[in-house]
Amino acid sequence: MQVGTPREIYEKPQSLFVADFIGKINFLNDGSSIRPEHIKIVSEVDTESENKTIMREIESWEYLGPSYRLFFKNNKEVLKVEVPCSMIDEKNLYVGSKFLLELDRNHYINFDSRV
């Protein structure tokens, strides 16, 4: 059980269960996690950044009102990314399109062995 303000619980969940129960989360192959809003669609790799940049294809999307949740696939891993509606047409974000994604390492969430 985790006790705290809604913001504390959302930003610093103590378990995978809490992280997925309170909002959406991406579970990464390296054992860490990241929220969809902390993944950016970028046009080029920033060589000075410590953030991880990967190429992925849009598999599907969900309309959420003020934003879209895009699902990017790579083999078995699916990354959820949230973007404002205006970005869909600006960047031609359509199913089947490939884009560079930048994962903000400052927002990785790591858990101990407790679930």
C-alpha atoms as a PDB file:
ATOM      1  CA  MET A   1       0.000   0.000   0.000  1.00  0.00           C
ATOM      2  CA  GLN A   2       1.211   3.509  -0.822  1.00  0.00           C
ATOM      3  CA  VAL A   3       0.084   6.674   0.940  1.00  0.00           C
ATOM      4  CA  GLY A   4       0.683  10.194  -0.321  1.00  0.00           C
ATOM      5  CA  THR A   5      -0.777  13.041  -2.307  1.00  0.00           C
ATOM      6  CA  PRO A   6      -2.110  12.197  -5.762  1.00  0.00           C
ATOM      7  CA  ARG A   7       0.909  13.940  -7.310  1.00  0.00           C
ATOM      8  CA  GLU A   8       3.402  12.015  -5.146  1.00  0.00           C
ATOM      9  CA  ILE A   9       1.759   8.701  -5.977  1.00  0.00           C
ATOM     10  CA  TYR A  10       1.626   9.476  -9.708  1.00  0.00           C
ATOM     11  CA  GLU A  11       5.198  10.790  -9.988  1.00  0.00           C
ATOM     12  CA  LYS A  12       6.849   8.350  -7.564  1.00  0.00           C
ATOM     13  CA  PRO A  13       4.895   5.103  -7.462  1.00  0.00           C
ATOM     14  CA  GLN A  14       6.457   2.482  -5.233  1.00  0.00           C
ATOM     15  CA  SER A  15       5.331  -0.537  -7.227  1.00  0.00           C
ATOM     16  CA  LEU A  16       4.416  -1.620 -10.750  1.00  0.00           C
ATOM     17  CA  PHE A  17       0.834  -2.115  -9.604  1.00  0.00           C
ATOM     18  CA  VAL A  18       0.509   1.469  -8.341  1.00  0.00           C
ATOM     19  CA  ALA A  19       2.246   2.890 -11.431  1.00  0.00           C
ATOM     20  CA  ASP A  20      -0.148   1.148 -13.817  1.00  0.00           C
ATOM     21  CA  PHE A  21      -3.226   1.685 -11.617  1.00  0.00           C
ATOM     22  CA  ILE A  22      -2.633   5.447 -11.318  1.00  0.00           C
ATOM     23  CA  GLY A  23      -2.228   6.470 -14.952  1.00  0.00           C
ATOM     24  CA  LYS A  24      -0.578   4.777 -17.891  1.00  0.00           C
ATOM     25  CA  ILE A  25       3.002   3.497 -17.853  1.00  0.00           C
ATOM     26  CA  ASN A  26       5.444   2.026 -20.355  1.00  0.00           C
ATOM     27  CA  PHE A  27       7.402  -0.969 -19.114  1.00  0.00           C
ATOM     28  CA  LEU A  28      10.824  -0.954 -20.788  1.00  0.00           C
ATOM     29  CA  ASN A  29      12.996  -3.969 -21.608  1.00  0.00           C
ATOM     30  CA  ASP A  30      15.741  -2.763 -19.251  1.00  0.00           C
ATOM     31  CA  GLY A  31      13.417  -3.096 -16.240  1.00  0.00           C
ATOM     32  CA  SER A  32      12.630   0.608 -15.843  1.00  0.00           C
ATOM     33  CA  SER A  33       9.388   2.399 -16.697  1.00  0.00           C
ATOM     34  CA  ILE A  34       8.352   5.765 -18.103  1.00  0.00           C
ATOM     35  CA  ARG A  35       5.059   7.635 -18.402  1.00  0.00           C
ATOM     36  CA  PRO A  36       3.718   8.335 -21.937  1.00  0.00           C
ATOM     37  CA  GLU A  37       3.996  12.099 -21.474  1.00  0.00           C
ATOM     38  CA  HIS A  38       7.770  11.797 -20.928  1.00  0.00           C
ATOM     39  CA  ILE A  39       8.426  10.424 -24.412  1.00  0.00           C
ATOM     40  CA  LYS A  40       8.804  13.025 -27.159  1.00  0.00           C
ATOM     41  CA  ILE A  41       8.580  12.700 -30.915  1.00  0.00           C
ATOM     42  CA  VAL A  42      11.720  14.329 -32.304  1.00  0.00           C
ATOM     43  CA  SER A  43      13.047  15.016 -35.786  1.00  0.00           C
ATOM     44  CA  GLU A  44      16.693  14.199 -35.072  1.00  0.00           C
ATOM     45  CA  VAL A  45      18.944  12.599 -32.480  1.00  0.00           C
ATOM     46  CA  ASP A  46      20.439  15.075 -30.003  1.00  0.00           C
ATOM     47  CA  THR A  47      24.012  13.794 -29.672  1.00  0.00           C
ATOM     48  CA  GLU A  48      24.582  15.910 -26.537  1.00  0.00           C
ATOM     49  CA  SER A  49      21.595  14.475 -24.699  1.00  0.00           C
ATOM     50  CA  GLU A  50      21.771  11.481 -22.355  1.00  0.00           C
ATOM     51  CA  ASN A  51      18.219  10.543 -23.314  1.00  0.00           C
ATOM     52  CA  LYS A  52      17.598   7.360 -25.261  1.00  0.00           C
ATOM     53  CA  THR A  53      16.373   7.892 -28.848  1.00  0.00           C
ATOM     54  CA  ILE A  54      14.729   5.064 -30.790  1.00  0.00           C
ATOM     55  CA  MET A  55      12.922   4.668 -34.130  1.00  0.00           C
ATOM     56  CA  ARG A  56       9.414   3.188 -33.919  1.00  0.00           C
ATOM     57  CA  GLU A  57       6.329   2.760 -36.111  1.00  0.00           C
ATOM     58  CA  ILE A  58       2.833   3.920 -35.121  1.00  0.00           C
ATOM     59  CA  GLU A  59       0.658   0.833 -34.727  1.00  0.00           C
ATOM     60  CA  SER A  60      -2.560   2.506 -33.535  1.00  0.00           C
ATOM     61  CA  TRP A  61      -3.919   5.491 -31.621  1.00  0.00           C
ATOM     62  CA  GLU A  62      -6.669   6.524 -29.196  1.00  0.00           C
ATOM     63  CA  TYR A  63      -8.427   9.882 -29.276  1.00  0.00           C
ATOM     64  CA  LEU A  64      -8.580  11.344 -25.751  1.00  0.00           C
ATOM     65  CA  GLY A  65     -10.251  14.725 -26.413  1.00  0.00           C
ATOM     66  CA  PRO A  66      -7.437  17.254 -25.972  1.00  0.00           C
ATOM     67  CA  SER A  67      -4.782  14.715 -26.960  1.00  0.00           C
ATOM     68  CA  TYR A  68      -4.060  11.412 -28.668  1.00  0.00           C
ATOM     69  CA  ARG A  69      -2.364   8.367 -27.195  1.00  0.00           C
ATOM     70  CA  LEU A  70      -0.172   6.831 -29.894  1.00  0.00           C
ATOM     71  CA  PHE A  71       1.011   3.234 -29.722  1.00  0.00           C
ATOM     72  CA  PHE A  72       4.456   2.650 -31.243  1.00  0.00           C
ATOM     73  CA  LYS A  73       5.558  -0.922 -31.876  1.00  0.00           C
ATOM     74  CA  ASN A  74       8.842  -2.747 -32.082  1.00  0.00           C
ATOM     75  CA  ASN A  75       8.606  -6.529 -32.018  1.00  0.00           C
ATOM     76  CA  LYS A  76       6.974  -7.299 -28.661  1.00  0.00           C
ATOM     77  CA  GLU A  77       7.472  -3.876 -27.048  1.00  0.00           C
ATOM     78  CA  VAL A  78       4.726  -1.263 -27.442  1.00  0.00           C
ATOM     79  CA  LEU A  79       5.347   2.290 -26.255  1.00  0.00           C
ATOM     80  CA  LYS A  80       2.474   4.625 -25.429  1.00  0.00           C
ATOM     81  CA  VAL A  81       3.081   8.322 -26.218  1.00  0.00           C
ATOM     82  CA  GLU A  82       0.650  11.172 -25.559  1.00  0.00           C
ATOM     83  CA  VAL A  83       0.628  14.161 -27.904  1.00  0.00           C
ATOM     84  CA  PRO A  84      -1.649  17.203 -28.309  1.00  0.00           C
ATOM     85  CA  CYS A  85      -4.237  16.923 -31.099  1.00  0.00           C
ATOM     86  CA  SER A  86      -2.545  19.707 -33.075  1.00  0.00           C
ATOM     87  CA  MET A  87       0.595  17.576 -33.452  1.00  0.00           C
ATOM     88  CA  ILE A  88      -1.224  14.859 -35.446  1.00  0.00           C
ATOM     89  CA  ASP A  89      -1.482  16.998 -38.588  1.00  0.00           C
ATOM     90  CA  GLU A  90       1.673  19.075 -37.955  1.00  0.00           C
ATOM     91  CA  LYS A  91       3.925  16.003 -37.986  1.00  0.00           C
ATOM     92  CA  ASN A  92       1.749  13.686 -40.116  1.00  0.00           C
ATOM     93  CA  LEU A  93       1.352  11.177 -37.298  1.00  0.00           C
ATOM     94  CA  TYR A  94      -0.536   8.340 -38.958  1.00  0.00           C
ATOM     95  CA  VAL A  95      -0.667   4.582 -38.508  1.00  0.00           C
ATOM     96  CA  GLY A  96       2.282   2.981 -40.293  1.00  0.00           C
ATOM     97  CA  SER A  97       4.490   6.093 -40.076  1.00  0.00           C
ATOM     98  CA  LYS A  98       7.917   5.807 -38.407  1.00  0.00           C
ATOM     99  CA  PHE A  99       9.301   8.407 -36.002  1.00  0.00           C
ATOM    100  CA  LEU A 100      12.178   9.000 -33.628  1.00  0.00           C
ATOM    101  CA  LEU A 101      11.154   8.857 -29.973  1.00  0.00           C
ATOM    102  CA  GLU A 102      13.198  10.424 -27.190  1.00  0.00           C
ATOM    103  CA  LEU A 103      12.778   8.904 -23.722  1.00  0.00           C
ATOM    104  CA  ASP A 104      13.543  11.430 -20.983  1.00  0.00           C
ATOM    105  CA  ARG A 105      15.902   9.618 -18.596  1.00  0.00           C
ATOM    106  CA  ASN A 106      15.095  12.161 -15.854  1.00  0.00           C
ATOM    107  CA  HIS A 107      11.624  10.629 -15.687  1.00  0.00           C
ATOM    108  CA  TYR A 108      12.491   6.927 -15.597  1.00  0.00           C
ATOM    109  CA  ILE A 109      10.781   5.079 -12.767  1.00  0.00           C
ATOM    110  CA  ASN A 110      12.624   2.136 -11.243  1.00  0.00           C
ATOM    111  CA  PHE A 111      11.136  -0.347  -8.821  1.00  0.00           C
ATOM    112  CA  ASP A 112      12.609  -2.814  -6.400  1.00  0.00           C
ATOM    113  CA  SER A 113      11.514  -6.435  -6.536  1.00  0.00           C
ATOM    114  CA  ARG A 114       8.169  -5.697  -4.836  1.00  0.00           C
ATOM    115  CA  VAL A 115       5.092  -5.656  -7.108  1.00  0.00           C
END
